[in-house]
Amino acid sequence: MRSYCLDEFVPGELERLAERLDGMKLSAGMETLYWLPVPQKLLTPLQKKHERECGPYVLALEILDESLRLELLVRARNRLRCDCVAYADHGLVHHMLRHLHNLLDELKITS
């Protein structure tokens, strides 16, 4: 699995992040897993075509003991297997990393 990991957080920082993500209603139904929505403008042509049946599209963000893991697989919330489920392209990876880092900056998480 391709993923982006950040580690060595100060105690309490990841709890603040989890509270913010819960407040944004991004919980995936499991305590430490969150769905980050993929902006419609960054979907591939196939994902746009399948959006009604398979979407919405998300990336998984997992909060671990002292680290974060952002999976770079674009998942379809309404279908497990489809050709539209694929790894994020460079543009989407850049956007989602910037979004994650902006969120950490807003929360003054410096690790």
PDB file of N, CA and C in Angstrom:
ATOM      1  N   MET A   1       0.854  -1.181   0.000  1.00  0.00           N
ATOM      2  CA  MET A   1       0.000   0.000   0.000  1.00  0.00           C
ATOM      3  C   MET A   1       0.891   1.234   0.000  1.00  0.00           C
ATOM      4  N   ARG A   2       0.615   2.139  -0.877  1.00  0.00           N
ATOM      5  CA  ARG A   2       1.321   3.421  -0.879  1.00  0.00           C
ATOM      6  C   ARG A   2       0.689   4.312   0.178  1.00  0.00           C
ATOM      7  N   SER A   3       1.536   4.928   0.983  1.00  0.00           N
ATOM      8  CA  SER A   3       1.009   5.814   2.016  1.00  0.00           C
ATOM      9  C   SER A   3       2.049   6.861   2.377  1.00  0.00           C
ATOM     10  N   TYR A   4       1.580   7.885   3.073  1.00  0.00           N
ATOM     11  CA  TYR A   4       2.415   8.981   3.552  1.00  0.00           C
ATOM     12  C   TYR A   4       2.309   8.948   5.070  1.00  0.00           C
ATOM     13  N   CYS A   5       3.449   8.874   5.747  1.00  0.00           N
ATOM     14  CA  CYS A   5       3.455   8.745   7.202  1.00  0.00           C
ATOM     15  C   CYS A   5       4.174   9.912   7.855  1.00  0.00           C
ATOM     16  N   LEU A   6       3.619  10.344   8.972  1.00  0.00           N
ATOM     17  CA  LEU A   6       4.240  11.338   9.839  1.00  0.00           C
ATOM     18  C   LEU A   6       4.320  10.710  11.219  1.00  0.00           C
ATOM     19  N   ASP A   7       5.455  10.908  11.917  1.00  0.00           N
ATOM     20  CA  ASP A   7       5.576  10.292  13.228  1.00  0.00           C
ATOM     21  C   ASP A   7       6.237  11.231  14.229  1.00  0.00           C
ATOM     22  N   GLU A   8       6.451  10.708  15.430  1.00  0.00           N
ATOM     23  CA  GLU A   8       7.086  11.417  16.540  1.00  0.00           C
ATOM     24  C   GLU A   8       6.294  12.643  16.981  1.00  0.00           C
ATOM     25  N   PHE A   9       4.999  12.465  17.165  1.00  0.00           N
ATOM     26  CA  PHE A   9       4.149  13.548  17.648  1.00  0.00           C
ATOM     27  C   PHE A   9       4.296  13.710  19.152  1.00  0.00           C
ATOM     28  N   VAL A  10       4.115  14.918  19.623  1.00  0.00           N
ATOM     29  CA  VAL A  10       4.122  15.220  21.049  1.00  0.00           C
ATOM     30  C   VAL A  10       2.812  14.693  21.641  1.00  0.00           C
ATOM     31  N   PRO A  11       2.848  14.131  22.868  1.00  0.00           N
ATOM     32  CA  PRO A  11       1.608  13.648  23.476  1.00  0.00           C
ATOM     33  C   PRO A  11       0.522  14.731  23.470  1.00  0.00           C
ATOM     34  N   GLY A  12      -0.677  14.328  23.099  1.00  0.00           N
ATOM     35  CA  GLY A  12      -1.814  15.238  23.057  1.00  0.00           C
ATOM     36  C   GLY A  12      -2.090  15.823  21.679  1.00  0.00           C
ATOM     37  N   GLU A  13      -1.092  15.859  20.821  1.00  0.00           N
ATOM     38  CA  GLU A  13      -1.294  16.468  19.499  1.00  0.00           C
ATOM     39  C   GLU A  13      -2.271  15.670  18.646  1.00  0.00           C
ATOM     40  N   LEU A  14      -2.114  14.363  18.627  1.00  0.00           N
ATOM     41  CA  LEU A  14      -2.993  13.555  17.787  1.00  0.00           C
ATOM     42  C   LEU A  14      -4.420  13.531  18.337  1.00  0.00           C
ATOM     43  N   GLU A  15      -4.574  13.688  19.639  1.00  0.00           N
ATOM     44  CA  GLU A  15      -5.914  13.780  20.215  1.00  0.00           C
ATOM     45  C   GLU A  15      -6.607  15.053  19.725  1.00  0.00           C
ATOM     46  N   ARG A  16      -5.870  16.148  19.635  1.00  0.00           N
ATOM     47  CA  ARG A  16      -6.441  17.405  19.111  1.00  0.00           C
ATOM     48  C   ARG A  16      -6.855  17.237  17.656  1.00  0.00           C
ATOM     49  N   LEU A  17      -6.016  16.560  16.891  1.00  0.00           N
ATOM     50  CA  LEU A  17      -6.354  16.313  15.493  1.00  0.00           C
ATOM     51  C   LEU A  17      -7.612  15.452  15.393  1.00  0.00           C
ATOM     52  N   ALA A  18      -7.697  14.401  16.191  1.00  0.00           N
ATOM     53  CA  ALA A  18      -8.876  13.523  16.172  1.00  0.00           C
ATOM     54  C   ALA A  18     -10.135  14.316  16.523  1.00  0.00           C
ATOM     55  N   GLU A  19     -10.044  15.207  17.520  1.00  0.00           N
ATOM     56  CA  GLU A  19     -11.199  16.035  17.884  1.00  0.00           C
ATOM     57  C   GLU A  19     -11.631  16.909  16.718  1.00  0.00           C
ATOM     58  N   ARG A  20     -10.671  17.495  16.006  1.00  0.00           N
ATOM     59  CA  ARG A  20     -11.010  18.341  14.852  1.00  0.00           C
ATOM     60  C   ARG A  20     -11.665  17.506  13.757  1.00  0.00           C
ATOM     61  N   LEU A  21     -11.096  16.341  13.456  1.00  0.00           N
ATOM     62  CA  LEU A  21     -11.654  15.487  12.410  1.00  0.00           C
ATOM     63  C   LEU A  21     -13.046  14.998  12.785  1.00  0.00           C
ATOM     64  N   ASP A  22     -13.253  14.679  14.064  1.00  0.00           N
ATOM     65  CA  ASP A  22     -14.597  14.295  14.522  1.00  0.00           C
ATOM     66  C   ASP A  22     -15.571  15.458  14.334  1.00  0.00           C
ATOM     67  N   GLY A  23     -15.122  16.668  14.668  1.00  0.00           N
ATOM     68  CA  GLY A  23     -15.959  17.855  14.499  1.00  0.00           C
ATOM     69  C   GLY A  23     -16.301  18.127  13.048  1.00  0.00           C
ATOM     70  N   MET A  24     -15.420  17.715  12.150  1.00  0.00           N
ATOM     71  CA  MET A  24     -15.664  17.884  10.717  1.00  0.00           C
ATOM     72  C   MET A  24     -16.512  16.738  10.154  1.00  0.00           C
ATOM     73  N   LYS A  25     -16.899  15.807  11.023  1.00  0.00           N
ATOM     74  CA  LYS A  25     -17.722  14.649  10.642  1.00  0.00           C
ATOM     75  C   LYS A  25     -17.037  13.778   9.587  1.00  0.00           C
ATOM     76  N   LEU A  26     -15.738  13.514   9.787  1.00  0.00           N
ATOM     77  CA  LEU A  26     -14.967  12.710   8.843  1.00  0.00           C
ATOM     78  C   LEU A  26     -14.687  11.303   9.352  1.00  0.00           C
ATOM     79  N   SER A  27     -15.248  10.943  10.491  1.00  0.00           N
ATOM     80  CA  SER A  27     -15.014   9.624  11.067  1.00  0.00           C
ATOM     81  C   SER A  27     -15.484   8.541  10.104  1.00  0.00           C
ATOM     82  N   ALA A  28     -14.699   7.473  10.044  1.00  0.00           N
ATOM     83  CA  ALA A  28     -15.036   6.352   9.170  1.00  0.00           C
ATOM     84  C   ALA A  28     -15.799   5.262   9.915  1.00  0.00           C
ATOM     85  N   GLY A  29     -16.157   5.524  11.169  1.00  0.00           N
ATOM     86  CA  GLY A  29     -16.879   4.526  11.938  1.00  0.00           C
ATOM     87  C   GLY A  29     -15.981   3.658  12.795  1.00  0.00           C
ATOM     88  N   MET A  30     -14.687   3.781  12.613  1.00  0.00           N
ATOM     89  CA  MET A  30     -13.706   3.109  13.462  1.00  0.00           C
ATOM     90  C   MET A  30     -12.962   4.212  14.206  1.00  0.00           C
ATOM     91  N   GLU A  31     -12.627   3.961  15.441  1.00  0.00           N
ATOM     92  CA  GLU A  31     -12.131   5.012  16.331  1.00  0.00           C
ATOM     93  C   GLU A  31     -10.979   5.844  15.777  1.00  0.00           C
ATOM     94  N   THR A  32     -10.044   5.263  15.081  1.00  0.00           N
ATOM     95  CA  THR A  32      -8.866   6.022  14.644  1.00  0.00           C
ATOM     96  C   THR A  32      -8.767   6.169  13.131  1.00  0.00           C
ATOM     97  N   LEU A  33      -9.863   5.943  12.428  1.00  0.00           N
ATOM     98  CA  LEU A  33      -9.850   6.006  10.972  1.00  0.00           C
ATOM     99  C   LEU A  33     -10.787   7.108  10.502  1.00  0.00           C
ATOM    100  N   TYR A  34     -10.307   7.895   9.548  1.00  0.00           N
ATOM    101  CA  TYR A  34     -11.069   9.026   9.018  1.00  0.00           C
ATOM    102  C   TYR A  34     -11.042   8.991   7.500  1.00  0.00           C
ATOM    103  N   TRP A  35     -12.130   9.466   6.890  1.00  0.00           N
ATOM    104  CA  TRP A  35     -12.225   9.584   5.434  1.00  0.00           C
ATOM    105  C   TRP A  35     -12.017  11.045   5.055  1.00  0.00           C
ATOM    106  N   LEU A  36     -10.984  11.317   4.270  1.00  0.00           N
ATOM    107  CA  LEU A  36     -10.749  12.661   3.749  1.00  0.00           C
ATOM    108  C   LEU A  36     -11.339  12.719   2.347  1.00  0.00           C
ATOM    109  N   PRO A  37     -12.325  13.563   2.119  1.00  0.00           N
ATOM    110  CA  PRO A  37     -12.968  13.615   0.803  1.00  0.00           C
ATOM    111  C   PRO A  37     -12.023  14.109  -0.284  1.00  0.00           C
ATOM    112  N   VAL A  38     -12.149  13.507  -1.449  1.00  0.00           N
ATOM    113  CA  VAL A  38     -11.383  13.928  -2.619  1.00  0.00           C
ATOM    114  C   VAL A  38     -12.218  14.985  -3.349  1.00  0.00           C
ATOM    115  N   PRO A  39     -11.650  16.168  -3.602  1.00  0.00           N
ATOM    116  CA  PRO A  39     -12.401  17.192  -4.328  1.00  0.00           C
ATOM    117  C   PRO A  39     -12.809  16.697  -5.718  1.00  0.00           C
ATOM    118  N   GLN A  40     -14.027  17.005  -6.105  1.00  0.00           N
ATOM    119  CA  GLN A  40     -14.569  16.551  -7.388  1.00  0.00           C
ATOM    120  C   GLN A  40     -13.683  16.965  -8.550  1.00  0.00           C
ATOM    121  N   LYS A  41     -13.104  18.156  -8.475  1.00  0.00           N
ATOM    122  CA  LYS A  41     -12.274  18.645  -9.579  1.00  0.00           C
ATOM    123  C   LYS A  41     -10.986  17.841  -9.747  1.00  0.00           C
ATOM    124  N   LEU A  42     -10.604  17.050  -8.740  1.00  0.00           N
ATOM    125  CA  LEU A  42      -9.376  16.263  -8.822  1.00  0.00           C
ATOM    126  C   LEU A  42      -9.631  14.785  -9.103  1.00  0.00           C
ATOM    127  N   LEU A  43     -10.883  14.425  -9.361  1.00  0.00           N
ATOM    128  CA  LEU A  43     -11.188  13.043  -9.725  1.00  0.00           C
ATOM    129  C   LEU A  43     -10.693  12.759 -11.135  1.00  0.00           C
ATOM    130  N   THR A  44     -10.372  11.511 -11.391  1.00  0.00           N
ATOM    131  CA  THR A  44     -10.000  11.099 -12.740  1.00  0.00           C
ATOM    132  C   THR A  44     -11.260  11.074 -13.606  1.00  0.00           C
ATOM    133  N   PRO A  45     -11.104  11.054 -14.928  1.00  0.00           N
ATOM    134  CA  PRO A  45     -12.294  10.953 -15.785  1.00  0.00           C
ATOM    135  C   PRO A  45     -13.160   9.725 -15.454  1.00  0.00           C
ATOM    136  N   LEU A  46     -12.541   8.593 -15.160  1.00  0.00           N
ATOM    137  CA  LEU A  46     -13.304   7.390 -14.818  1.00  0.00           C
ATOM    138  C   LEU A  46     -14.053   7.572 -13.495  1.00  0.00           C
ATOM    139  N   GLN A  47     -13.403   8.181 -12.513  1.00  0.00           N
ATOM    140  CA  GLN A  47     -14.074   8.425 -11.231  1.00  0.00           C
ATOM    141  C   GLN A  47     -15.250   9.371 -11.406  1.00  0.00           C
ATOM    142  N   LYS A  48     -15.103  10.379 -12.236  1.00  0.00           N
ATOM    143  CA  LYS A  48     -16.217  11.292 -12.506  1.00  0.00           C
ATOM    144  C   LYS A  48     -17.375  10.544 -13.160  1.00  0.00           C
ATOM    145  N   LYS A  49     -17.048   9.638 -14.067  1.00  0.00           N
ATOM    146  CA  LYS A  49     -18.072   8.852 -14.750  1.00  0.00           C
ATOM    147  C   LYS A  49     -18.793   7.917 -13.773  1.00  0.00           C
ATOM    148  N   HIS A  50     -18.055   7.378 -12.784  1.00  0.00           N
ATOM    149  CA  HIS A  50     -18.606   6.414 -11.822  1.00  0.00           C
ATOM    150  C   HIS A  50     -19.104   7.061 -10.530  1.00  0.00           C
ATOM    151  N   GLU A  51     -19.010   8.374 -10.434  1.00  0.00           N
ATOM    152  CA  GLU A  51     -19.290   9.052  -9.164  1.00  0.00           C
ATOM    153  C   GLU A  51     -20.673   8.725  -8.608  1.00  0.00           C
ATOM    154  N   ARG A  52     -21.673   8.662  -9.441  1.00  0.00           N
ATOM    155  CA  ARG A  52     -23.037   8.400  -8.981  1.00  0.00           C
ATOM    156  C   ARG A  52     -23.170   6.995  -8.379  1.00  0.00           C
ATOM    157  N   GLU A  53     -22.556   5.985  -9.014  1.00  0.00           N
ATOM    158  CA  GLU A  53     -22.692   4.612  -8.521  1.00  0.00           C
ATOM    159  C   GLU A  53     -21.690   4.276  -7.423  1.00  0.00           C
ATOM    160  N   CYS A  54     -20.471   4.756  -7.553  1.00  0.00           N
ATOM    161  CA  CYS A  54     -19.389   4.328  -6.665  1.00  0.00           C
ATOM    162  C   CYS A  54     -19.022   5.350  -5.590  1.00  0.00           C
ATOM    163  N   GLY A  55     -19.133   6.627  -5.900  1.00  0.00           N
ATOM    164  CA  GLY A  55     -18.678   7.681  -5.003  1.00  0.00           C
ATOM    165  C   GLY A  55     -19.522   7.784  -3.753  1.00  0.00           C
ATOM    166  N   PRO A  56     -19.159   8.665  -2.860  1.00  0.00           N
ATOM    167  CA  PRO A  56     -18.073   9.641  -2.959  1.00  0.00           C
ATOM    168  C   PRO A  56     -16.707   8.974  -2.797  1.00  0.00           C
ATOM    169  N   TYR A  57     -15.679   9.696  -3.219  1.00  0.00           N
ATOM    170  CA  TYR A  57     -14.314   9.192  -3.182  1.00  0.00           C
ATOM    171  C   TYR A  57     -13.561   9.821  -2.020  1.00  0.00           C
ATOM    172  N   VAL A  58     -12.723   9.005  -1.378  1.00  0.00           N
ATOM    173  CA  VAL A  58     -12.018   9.435  -0.173  1.00  0.00           C
ATOM    174  C   VAL A  58     -10.617   8.834  -0.122  1.00  0.00           C
ATOM    175  N   LEU A  59      -9.779   9.451   0.715  1.00  0.00           N
ATOM    176  CA  LEU A  59      -8.512   8.847   1.129  1.00  0.00           C
ATOM    177  C   LEU A  59      -8.639   8.541   2.614  1.00  0.00           C
ATOM    178  N   ALA A  60      -8.052   7.449   3.056  1.00  0.00           N
ATOM    179  CA  ALA A  60      -8.106   7.058   4.463  1.00  0.00           C
ATOM    180  C   ALA A  60      -6.941   7.692   5.218  1.00  0.00           C
ATOM    181  N   LEU A  61      -7.267   8.285   6.371  1.00  0.00           N
ATOM    182  CA  LEU A  61      -6.263   8.824   7.283  1.00  0.00           C
ATOM    183  C   LEU A  61      -6.404   8.059   8.583  1.00  0.00           C
ATOM    184  N   GLU A  62      -5.325   7.411   9.000  1.00  0.00           N
ATOM    185  CA  GLU A  62      -5.345   6.626  10.223  1.00  0.00           C
ATOM    186  C   GLU A  62      -4.444   7.272  11.265  1.00  0.00           C
ATOM    187  N   ILE A  63      -4.996   7.446  12.457  1.00  0.00           N
ATOM    188  CA  ILE A  63      -4.221   7.969  13.575  1.00  0.00           C
ATOM    189  C   ILE A  63      -3.756   6.767  14.391  1.00  0.00           C
ATOM    190  N   LEU A  64      -2.447   6.591  14.464  1.00  0.00           N
ATOM    191  CA  LEU A  64      -1.856   5.489  15.216  1.00  0.00           C
ATOM    192  C   LEU A  64      -1.361   6.023  16.556  1.00  0.00           C
ATOM    193  N   ASP A  65      -0.642   5.230  17.325  1.00  0.00           N
ATOM    194  CA  ASP A  65      -0.202   5.644  18.664  1.00  0.00           C
ATOM    195  C   ASP A  65       0.560   6.963  18.648  1.00  0.00           C
ATOM    196  N   GLU A  66       1.579   7.070  17.825  1.00  0.00           N
ATOM    197  CA  GLU A  66       2.379   8.296  17.765  1.00  0.00           C
ATOM    198  C   GLU A  66       2.623   8.742  16.331  1.00  0.00           C
ATOM    199  N   SER A  67       1.722   8.339  15.431  1.00  0.00           N
ATOM    200  CA  SER A  67       1.941   8.666  14.025  1.00  0.00           C
ATOM    201  C   SER A  67       0.610   8.775  13.279  1.00  0.00           C
ATOM    202  N   LEU A  68       0.727   9.318  12.076  1.00  0.00           N
ATOM    203  CA  LEU A  68      -0.396   9.432  11.139  1.00  0.00           C
ATOM    204  C   LEU A  68      -0.022   8.683   9.879  1.00  0.00           C
ATOM    205  N   ARG A  69      -1.017   8.057   9.252  1.00  0.00           N
ATOM    206  CA  ARG A  69      -0.773   7.396   7.974  1.00  0.00           C
ATOM    207  C   ARG A  69      -1.900   7.772   7.023  1.00  0.00           C
ATOM    208  N   LEU A  70      -1.535   8.449   5.938  1.00  0.00           N
ATOM    209  CA  LEU A  70      -2.488   8.810   4.899  1.00  0.00           C
ATOM    210  C   LEU A  70      -2.290   7.831   3.748  1.00  0.00           C
ATOM    211  N   GLU A  71      -3.291   6.997   3.529  1.00  0.00           N
ATOM    212  CA  GLU A  71      -3.219   6.067   2.398  1.00  0.00           C
ATOM    213  C   GLU A  71      -3.443   6.842   1.116  1.00  0.00           C
ATOM    214  N   LEU A  72      -2.707   6.498   0.093  1.00  0.00           N
ATOM    215  CA  LEU A  72      -2.794   7.207  -1.177  1.00  0.00           C
ATOM    216  C   LEU A  72      -3.668   6.484  -2.201  1.00  0.00           C
ATOM    217  N   LEU A  73      -4.461   5.548  -1.712  1.00  0.00           N
ATOM    218  CA  LEU A  73      -5.429   4.850  -2.551  1.00  0.00           C
ATOM    219  C   LEU A  73      -6.758   5.598  -2.491  1.00  0.00           C
ATOM    220  N   VAL A  74      -7.266   5.996  -3.639  1.00  0.00           N
ATOM    221  CA  VAL A  74      -8.577   6.653  -3.698  1.00  0.00           C
ATOM    222  C   VAL A  74      -9.625   5.544  -3.620  1.00  0.00           C
ATOM    223  N   ARG A  75     -10.400   5.598  -2.540  1.00  0.00           N
ATOM    224  CA  ARG A  75     -11.425   4.585  -2.307  1.00  0.00           C
ATOM    225  C   ARG A  75     -12.800   5.127  -2.699  1.00  0.00           C
ATOM    226  N   ALA A  76     -13.636   4.214  -3.171  1.00  0.00           N
ATOM    227  CA  ALA A  76     -15.027   4.536  -3.490  1.00  0.00           C
ATOM    228  C   ALA A  76     -15.865   4.084  -2.297  1.00  0.00           C
ATOM    229  N   ARG A  77     -16.598   4.993  -1.682  1.00  0.00           N
ATOM    230  CA  ARG A  77     -17.345   4.658  -0.466  1.00  0.00           C
ATOM    231  C   ARG A  77     -18.486   3.680  -0.725  1.00  0.00           C
ATOM    232  N   ASN A  78     -19.001   3.624  -1.948  1.00  0.00           N
ATOM    233  CA  ASN A  78     -20.157   2.768  -2.226  1.00  0.00           C
ATOM    234  C   ASN A  78     -19.820   1.496  -2.991  1.00  0.00           C
ATOM    235  N   ARG A  79     -18.546   1.239  -3.192  1.00  0.00           N
ATOM    236  CA  ARG A  79     -18.160   0.010  -3.890  1.00  0.00           C
ATOM    237  C   ARG A  79     -16.738  -0.341  -3.508  1.00  0.00           C
ATOM    238  N   LEU A  80     -16.508  -1.590  -3.129  1.00  0.00           N
ATOM    239  CA  LEU A  80     -15.159  -2.005  -2.732  1.00  0.00           C
ATOM    240  C   LEU A  80     -14.236  -2.217  -3.921  1.00  0.00           C
ATOM    241  N   ARG A  81     -14.761  -2.838  -4.950  1.00  0.00           N
ATOM    242  CA  ARG A  81     -13.919  -3.151  -6.106  1.00  0.00           C
ATOM    243  C   ARG A  81     -14.530  -2.588  -7.372  1.00  0.00           C
ATOM    244  N   CYS A  82     -13.698  -1.799  -8.034  1.00  0.00           N
ATOM    245  CA  CYS A  82     -14.107  -1.206  -9.310  1.00  0.00           C
ATOM    246  C   CYS A  82     -12.842  -0.630  -9.939  1.00  0.00           C
ATOM    247  N   ASP A  83     -12.846  -0.449 -11.226  1.00  0.00           N
ATOM    248  CA  ASP A  83     -11.694   0.146 -11.901  1.00  0.00           C
ATOM    249  C   ASP A  83     -11.450   1.590 -11.468  1.00  0.00           C
ATOM    250  N   CYS A  84     -12.471   2.230 -10.875  1.00  0.00           N
ATOM    251  CA  CYS A  84     -12.309   3.617 -10.456  1.00  0.00           C
ATOM    252  C   CYS A  84     -11.535   3.741  -9.139  1.00  0.00           C
ATOM    253  N   VAL A  85     -11.360   2.649  -8.414  1.00  0.00           N
ATOM    254  CA  VAL A  85     -10.540   2.643  -7.201  1.00  0.00           C
ATOM    255  C   VAL A  85      -9.093   2.520  -7.654  1.00  0.00           C
ATOM    256  N   ALA A  86      -8.310   3.565  -7.377  1.00  0.00           N
ATOM    257  CA  ALA A  86      -6.940   3.605  -7.898  1.00  0.00           C
ATOM    258  C   ALA A  86      -6.088   4.520  -7.030  1.00  0.00           C
ATOM    259  N   TYR A  87      -4.792   4.399  -7.184  1.00  0.00           N
ATOM    260  CA  TYR A  87      -3.890   5.288  -6.453  1.00  0.00           C
ATOM    261  C   TYR A  87      -4.039   6.723  -6.948  1.00  0.00           C
ATOM    262  N   ALA A  88      -3.873   7.654  -6.024  1.00  0.00           N
ATOM    263  CA  ALA A  88      -3.960   9.078  -6.347  1.00  0.00           C
ATOM    264  C   ALA A  88      -2.849   9.468  -7.308  1.00  0.00           C
ATOM    265  N   ASP A  89      -3.171  10.362  -8.245  1.00  0.00           N
ATOM    266  CA  ASP A  89      -2.142  10.880  -9.141  1.00  0.00           C
ATOM    267  C   ASP A  89      -1.358  11.975  -8.410  1.00  0.00           C
ATOM    268  N   HIS A  90      -0.315  12.491  -9.051  1.00  0.00           N
ATOM    269  CA  HIS A  90       0.564  13.467  -8.403  1.00  0.00           C
ATOM    270  C   HIS A  90      -0.185  14.723  -7.953  1.00  0.00           C
ATOM    271  N   GLY A  91      -1.106  15.191  -8.766  1.00  0.00           N
ATOM    272  CA  GLY A  91      -1.859  16.390  -8.409  1.00  0.00           C
ATOM    273  C   GLY A  91      -2.700  16.193  -7.161  1.00  0.00           C
ATOM    274  N   LEU A  92      -3.364  15.051  -7.052  1.00  0.00           N
ATOM    275  CA  LEU A  92      -4.180  14.768  -5.877  1.00  0.00           C
ATOM    276  C   LEU A  92      -3.302  14.553  -4.647  1.00  0.00           C
ATOM    277  N   VAL A  93      -2.202  13.847  -4.803  1.00  0.00           N
ATOM    278  CA  VAL A  93      -1.283  13.647  -3.672  1.00  0.00           C
ATOM    279  C   VAL A  93      -0.823  15.002  -3.144  1.00  0.00           C
ATOM    280  N   HIS A  94      -0.400  15.874  -4.030  1.00  0.00           N
ATOM    281  CA  HIS A  94       0.067  17.202  -3.626  1.00  0.00           C
ATOM    282  C   HIS A  94      -1.047  17.961  -2.889  1.00  0.00           C
ATOM    283  N   HIS A  95      -2.249  17.942  -3.438  1.00  0.00           N
ATOM    284  CA  HIS A  95      -3.377  18.643  -2.823  1.00  0.00           C
ATOM    285  C   HIS A  95      -3.668  18.097  -1.428  1.00  0.00           C
ATOM    286  N   MET A  96      -3.733  16.779  -1.286  1.00  0.00           N
ATOM    287  CA  MET A  96      -4.101  16.178  -0.009  1.00  0.00           C
ATOM    288  C   MET A  96      -2.998  16.372   1.038  1.00  0.00           C
ATOM    289  N   LEU A  97      -1.742  16.325   0.628  1.00  0.00           N
ATOM    290  CA  LEU A  97      -0.652  16.588   1.579  1.00  0.00           C
ATOM    291  C   LEU A  97      -0.689  18.033   2.043  1.00  0.00           C
ATOM    292  N   ARG A  98      -0.943  18.939   1.134  1.00  0.00           N
ATOM    293  CA  ARG A  98      -1.056  20.356   1.504  1.00  0.00           C
ATOM    294  C   ARG A  98      -2.235  20.549   2.462  1.00  0.00           C
ATOM    295  N   HIS A  99      -3.354  19.896   2.175  1.00  0.00           N
ATOM    296  CA  HIS A  99      -4.536  19.982   3.030  1.00  0.00           C
ATOM    297  C   HIS A  99      -4.217  19.451   4.439  1.00  0.00           C
ATOM    298  N   LEU A 100      -3.557  18.312   4.526  1.00  0.00           N
ATOM    299  CA  LEU A 100      -3.197  17.727   5.817  1.00  0.00           C
ATOM    300  C   LEU A 100      -2.242  18.632   6.577  1.00  0.00           C
ATOM    301  N   HIS A 101      -1.222  19.137   5.906  1.00  0.00           N
ATOM    302  CA  HIS A 101      -0.255  20.016   6.573  1.00  0.00           C
ATOM    303  C   HIS A 101      -0.906  21.329   7.009  1.00  0.00           C
ATOM    304  N   ASN A 102      -1.831  21.857   6.224  1.00  0.00           N
ATOM    305  CA  ASN A 102      -2.562  23.066   6.633  1.00  0.00           C
ATOM    306  C   ASN A 102      -3.380  22.809   7.885  1.00  0.00           C
ATOM    307  N   LEU A 103      -4.020  21.651   7.955  1.00  0.00           N
ATOM    308  CA  LEU A 103      -4.791  21.291   9.126  1.00  0.00           C
ATOM    309  C   LEU A 103      -3.895  21.197  10.358  1.00  0.00           C
ATOM    310  N   LEU A 104      -2.743  20.569  10.210  1.00  0.00           N
ATOM    311  CA  LEU A 104      -1.791  20.476  11.328  1.00  0.00           C
ATOM    312  C   LEU A 104      -1.319  21.869  11.750  1.00  0.00           C
ATOM    313  N   ASP A 105      -1.052  22.736  10.778  1.00  0.00           N
ATOM    314  CA  ASP A 105      -0.631  24.095  11.097  1.00  0.00           C
ATOM    315  C   ASP A 105      -1.721  24.845  11.861  1.00  0.00           C
ATOM    316  N   GLU A 106      -2.980  24.718  11.419  1.00  0.00           N
ATOM    317  CA  GLU A 106      -4.099  25.381  12.107  1.00  0.00           C
ATOM    318  C   GLU A 106      -4.173  24.964  13.572  1.00  0.00           C
ATOM    319  N   LEU A 107      -3.860  23.703  13.833  1.00  0.00           N
ATOM    320  CA  LEU A 107      -3.926  23.162  15.196  1.00  0.00           C
ATOM    321  C   LEU A 107      -2.616  23.384  15.960  1.00  0.00           C
ATOM    322  N   LYS A 108      -1.664  24.052  15.310  1.00  0.00           N
ATOM    323  CA  LYS A 108      -0.358  24.318  15.900  1.00  0.00           C
ATOM    324  C   LYS A 108       0.343  23.018  16.319  1.00  0.00           C
ATOM    325  N   ILE A 109       0.220  22.025  15.460  1.00  0.00           N
ATOM    326  CA  ILE A 109       0.905  20.744  15.651  1.00  0.00           C
ATOM    327  C   ILE A 109       2.183  20.835  14.847  1.00  0.00           C
ATOM    328  N   THR A 110       3.304  20.834  15.528  1.00  0.00           N
ATOM    329  CA  THR A 110       4.584  21.105  14.863  1.00  0.00           C
ATOM    330  C   THR A 110       5.443  19.870  14.664  1.00  0.00           C
ATOM    331  N   SER A 111       5.023  18.726  15.160  1.00  0.00           N
ATOM    332  CA  SER A 111       5.853  17.515  15.026  1.00  0.00           C
ATOM    333  C   SER A 111       5.978  17.098  13.579  1.00  0.00           C
TER     334      SER A 111
END
